Structure formats: structure tokens, C-alpha cells
C-alpha atoms as a PDB file:
ATOM      1  CA  MET A   1      36.793  -5.696  19.223  1.00  0.00           C
ATOM      2  CA  SER A   2      36.816  -2.636  16.772  1.00  0.00           C
ATOM      3  CA  PHE A   3      36.803   1.018  18.036  1.00  0.00           C
ATOM      4  CA  THR A   4      33.006   1.190  16.210  1.00  0.00           C
ATOM      5  CA  ASP A   5      32.022  -2.072  18.403  1.00  0.00           C
ATOM      6  CA  VAL A   6      33.024   0.006  21.753  1.00  0.00           C
ATOM      7  CA  LEU A   7      31.323   3.010  19.842  1.00  0.00           C
ATOM      8  CA  GLU A   8      28.006   0.836  19.250  1.00  0.00           C
ATOM      9  CA  THR A   9      28.375  -0.680  23.036  1.00  0.00           C
ATOM     10  CA  ALA A  10      28.478   2.873  24.380  1.00  0.00           C
ATOM     11  CA  ARG A  11      25.527   3.977  21.977  1.00  0.00           C
ATOM     12  CA  ALA A  12      23.433   0.986  23.155  1.00  0.00           C
ATOM     13  CA  MET A  13      24.349   1.978  26.854  1.00  0.00           C
ATOM     14  CA  ALA A  14      23.407   5.417  26.832  1.00  0.00           C
ATOM     15  CA  ALA A  15      19.816   4.040  24.763  1.00  0.00           C
ATOM     16  CA  GLU A  16      19.302   2.193  28.509  1.00  0.00           C
ATOM     17  CA  ALA A  17      20.629   4.051  30.791  1.00  0.00           C
ATOM     18  CA  ASP A  18      18.799   6.081  33.746  1.00  0.00           C
ATOM     19  CA  ILE A  19      20.114   9.548  33.768  1.00  0.00           C
ATOM     20  CA  SER A  20      17.118  10.860  35.969  1.00  0.00           C
ATOM     21  CA  GLY A  21      19.326  11.942  38.904  1.00  0.00           C
ATOM     22  CA  ILE A  22      21.973  13.491  36.663  1.00  0.00           C
ATOM     23  CA  ASP A  23      21.795  17.225  35.961  1.00  0.00           C
ATOM     24  CA  PHE A  24      25.231  17.480  33.816  1.00  0.00           C
ATOM     25  CA  MET A  25      27.907  15.002  33.139  1.00  0.00           C
ATOM     26  CA  ALA A  26      30.614  14.958  30.333  1.00  0.00           C
ATOM     27  CA  VAL A  27      33.114  12.158  30.536  1.00  0.00           C
ATOM     28  CA  GLN A  28      35.711  11.501  27.980  1.00  0.00           C
ATOM     29  CA  ILE A  29      36.539   7.408  27.230  1.00  0.00           C
ATOM     30  CA  ASN A  30      39.949   6.726  25.632  1.00  0.00           C
ATOM     31  CA  ILE A  31      40.375   3.301  23.947  1.00  0.00           C
ATOM     32  CA  GLU A  32      43.867   2.063  24.359  1.00  0.00           C
ATOM     33  CA  GLY A  33      45.131  -0.853  22.084  1.00  0.00           C
ATOM     34  CA  GLU A  34      43.191  -2.976  19.039  1.00  0.00           C
ATOM     35  CA  ALA A  35      40.370  -0.945  19.185  1.00  0.00           C
ATOM     36  CA  GLN A  36      42.075   2.344  20.135  1.00  0.00           C
ATOM     37  CA  GLY A  37      40.055   5.591  19.951  1.00  0.00           C
ATOM     38  CA  VAL A  38      38.379   8.571  21.565  1.00  0.00           C
ATOM     39  CA  PHE A  39      34.454   9.551  22.656  1.00  0.00           C
ATOM     40  CA  TYR A  40      32.665  11.434  25.066  1.00  0.00           C
ATOM     41  CA  VAL A  41      29.746  10.571  26.694  1.00  0.00           C
ATOM     42  CA  GLU A  42      27.371  13.382  28.114  1.00  0.00           C
ATOM     43  CA  VAL A  43      24.347  14.096  30.029  1.00  0.00           C
ATOM     44  CA  LYS A  44      22.872  17.231  29.579  1.00  0.00           C
ATOM     45  CA  ASP A  45      19.526  18.858  29.630  1.00  0.00           C
ATOM     46  CA  GLY A  46      18.122  15.522  30.178  1.00  0.00           C
ATOM     47  CA  ARG A  47      19.621  14.038  27.299  1.00  0.00           C
ATOM     48  CA  ILE A  48      22.416  11.450  26.514  1.00  0.00           C
ATOM     49  CA  SER A  49      25.173  12.120  23.500  1.00  0.00           C
ATOM     50  CA  VAL A  50      27.579   9.432  22.925  1.00  0.00           C
ATOM     51  CA  GLU A  51      30.053  11.254  20.285  1.00  0.00           C
ATOM     52  CA  PRO A  52      33.106   9.774  18.604  1.00  0.00           C
ATOM     53  CA  TYR A  53      35.388  13.077  19.574  1.00  0.00           C
ATOM     54  CA  GLU A  54      37.498  14.599  22.160  1.00  0.00           C
ATOM     55  CA  TYR A  55      35.731  16.752  24.994  1.00  0.00           C
ATOM     56  CA  TYR A  56      38.060  19.618  26.089  1.00  0.00           C
ATOM     57  CA  ASP A  57      35.620  20.663  28.996  1.00  0.00           C
ATOM     58  CA  ARG A  58      35.286  17.263  30.331  1.00  0.00           C
ATOM     59  CA  GLN A  59      34.805  16.554  34.200  1.00  0.00           C
ATOM     60  CA  CYS A  60      36.874  13.502  34.007  1.00  0.00           C
ATOM     61  CA  MET A  61      38.677  11.025  31.524  1.00  0.00           C
ATOM     62  CA  ILE A  62      38.876   7.133  31.462  1.00  0.00           C
ATOM     63  CA  THR A  63      41.263   5.223  29.888  1.00  0.00           C
ATOM     64  CA  LEU A  64      40.846   1.579  29.247  1.00  0.00           C
ATOM     65  CA  SER A  65      41.024  -1.196  26.686  1.00  0.00           C
ATOM     66  CA  GLY A  66      37.935  -1.878  24.426  1.00  0.00           C
ATOM     67  CA  ASP A  67      37.723  -5.356  25.849  1.00  0.00           C
ATOM     68  CA  ASP A  68      37.820  -4.040  29.541  1.00  0.00           C
ATOM     69  CA  PHE A  69      34.859  -1.292  28.474  1.00  0.00           C
ATOM     70  CA  TYR A  70      32.682  -4.054  27.238  1.00  0.00           C
ATOM     71  CA  GLU A  71      33.179  -5.987  30.229  1.00  0.00           C
ATOM     72  CA  LEU A  72      32.691  -2.937  32.534  1.00  0.00           C
ATOM     73  CA  THR A  73      29.326  -2.083  30.632  1.00  0.00           C
ATOM     74  CA  GLN A  74      28.332  -5.817  30.886  1.00  0.00           C
ATOM     75  CA  GLY A  75      28.916  -5.832  34.844  1.00  0.00           C
ATOM     76  CA  ARG A  76      31.734  -8.467  34.429  1.00  0.00           C
ATOM     77  CA  LEU A  77      34.477  -5.660  35.830  1.00  0.00           C
ATOM     78  CA  ASP A  78      34.430  -3.973  38.652  1.00  0.00           C
ATOM     79  CA  PRO A  79      35.655  -0.538  38.356  1.00  0.00           C
ATOM     80  CA  VAL A  80      37.507   0.025  41.507  1.00  0.00           C
ATOM     81  CA  LYS A  81      39.056  -3.238  41.007  1.00  0.00           C
ATOM     82  CA  ALA A  82      40.201  -2.334  37.502  1.00  0.00           C
ATOM     83  CA  TYR A  83      41.399   0.698  38.716  1.00  0.00           C
ATOM     84  CA  ASP A  84      43.587  -0.823  41.691  1.00  0.00           C
ATOM     85  CA  GLU A  85      45.093  -3.116  38.743  1.00  0.00           C
ATOM     86  CA  GLY A  86      45.827  -0.629  36.428  1.00  0.00           C
ATOM     87  CA  ARG A  87      43.443  -1.977  33.673  1.00  0.00           C
ATOM     88  CA  LEU A  88      41.373   1.342  34.051  1.00  0.00           C
ATOM     89  CA  ARG A  89      42.875   4.821  34.691  1.00  0.00           C
ATOM     90  CA  ALA A  90      40.756   7.912  35.851  1.00  0.00           C
ATOM     91  CA  GLU A  91      41.662  11.697  35.962  1.00  0.00           C
ATOM     92  CA  GLY A  92      39.636  14.616  36.841  1.00  0.00           C
ATOM     93  CA  ASP A  93      36.431  14.224  38.849  1.00  0.00           C
ATOM     94  CA  LEU A  94      36.900  10.457  40.190  1.00  0.00           C
ATOM     95  CA  GLY A  95      33.396  11.068  41.820  1.00  0.00           C
ATOM     96  CA  ARG A  96      32.146  11.358  38.413  1.00  0.00           C
ATOM     97  CA  ALA A  97      33.714   8.440  36.932  1.00  0.00           C
ATOM     98  CA  MET A  98      32.046   6.334  39.823  1.00  0.00           C
ATOM     99  CA  GLN A  99      28.968   7.855  38.613  1.00  0.00           C
ATOM    100  CA  PHE A 100      29.548   6.975  34.929  1.00  0.00           C
ATOM    101  CA  SER A 101      30.313   3.420  35.917  1.00  0.00           C
ATOM    102  CA  ASP A 102      27.297   3.575  37.672  1.00  0.00           C
ATOM    103  CA  LEU A 103      25.351   4.503  34.345  1.00  0.00           C
ATOM    104  CA  ILE A 104      27.129   2.306  32.303  1.00  0.00           C
ATOM    105  CA  GLN A 105      26.133  -0.364  34.379  1.00  0.00           C
ATOM    106  CA  ASN A 106      22.700   0.298  34.243  1.00  0.00           C
ATOM    107  CA  LYS A 107      22.494   1.183  37.730  1.00  0.00           C
ATOM    108  CA  THR A 108      20.434   3.887  39.104  1.00  0.00           C
ATOM    109  CA  ALA A 109      21.929   7.339  39.002  1.00  0.00           C
END
């Protein structure tokens, strides 16, 4: 899996996401390993954006591998278990990290 694949997966997730209960969210995702790269997901003014840049005023930052990100978006990786196992690291507002996890798994926000 390349970084482009990860970014396309994130954008596909964004197109399907239910953001109705979110006023604002800014999450930076750091992908490690073979698909290394950085992107952010921002919910603002009723729109969701996914861009391949760092987000300096982020509410939280999540770091994981491209494969784990894909598994998370497919609902095959539990974010709490991944965090406990060290496969996913989160910094900042952990409540936002969980809200982001629900968002990418297409759960009601």
C-alpha cells in the first residue's frame, strides 16, 4: 500500500462520512512505514476536507501504519486495542481521536 492509496482511502471515507454531529474537528494522520506520509482531516462549516499536509492547529494527531489505517477504515481493527498494542499512537484530545475513529468507520458521529 502506497501513501497515495492511503490518501484515496481517506478521501473515499470522507465522501461517505456522516459529519452531522460535528461542528469542528481537525485531526492530523501520520502514516509510518512503507506508505509514509502526512495528511489531515478537517470538518468545518458542514464540510469535510482531506489534504496531504500537516495541520499545525490540530486537535489531535494519530500515528499508525498504512495497513493499520486501512484496517481501521474497514472496521477490522479496533482502535482501542490498536492503541493498547502500540499499533496506533494518539496525541492531544483523545476524545477527538475516538470521534475520528467513529467517523472513519462510518458510525454516527
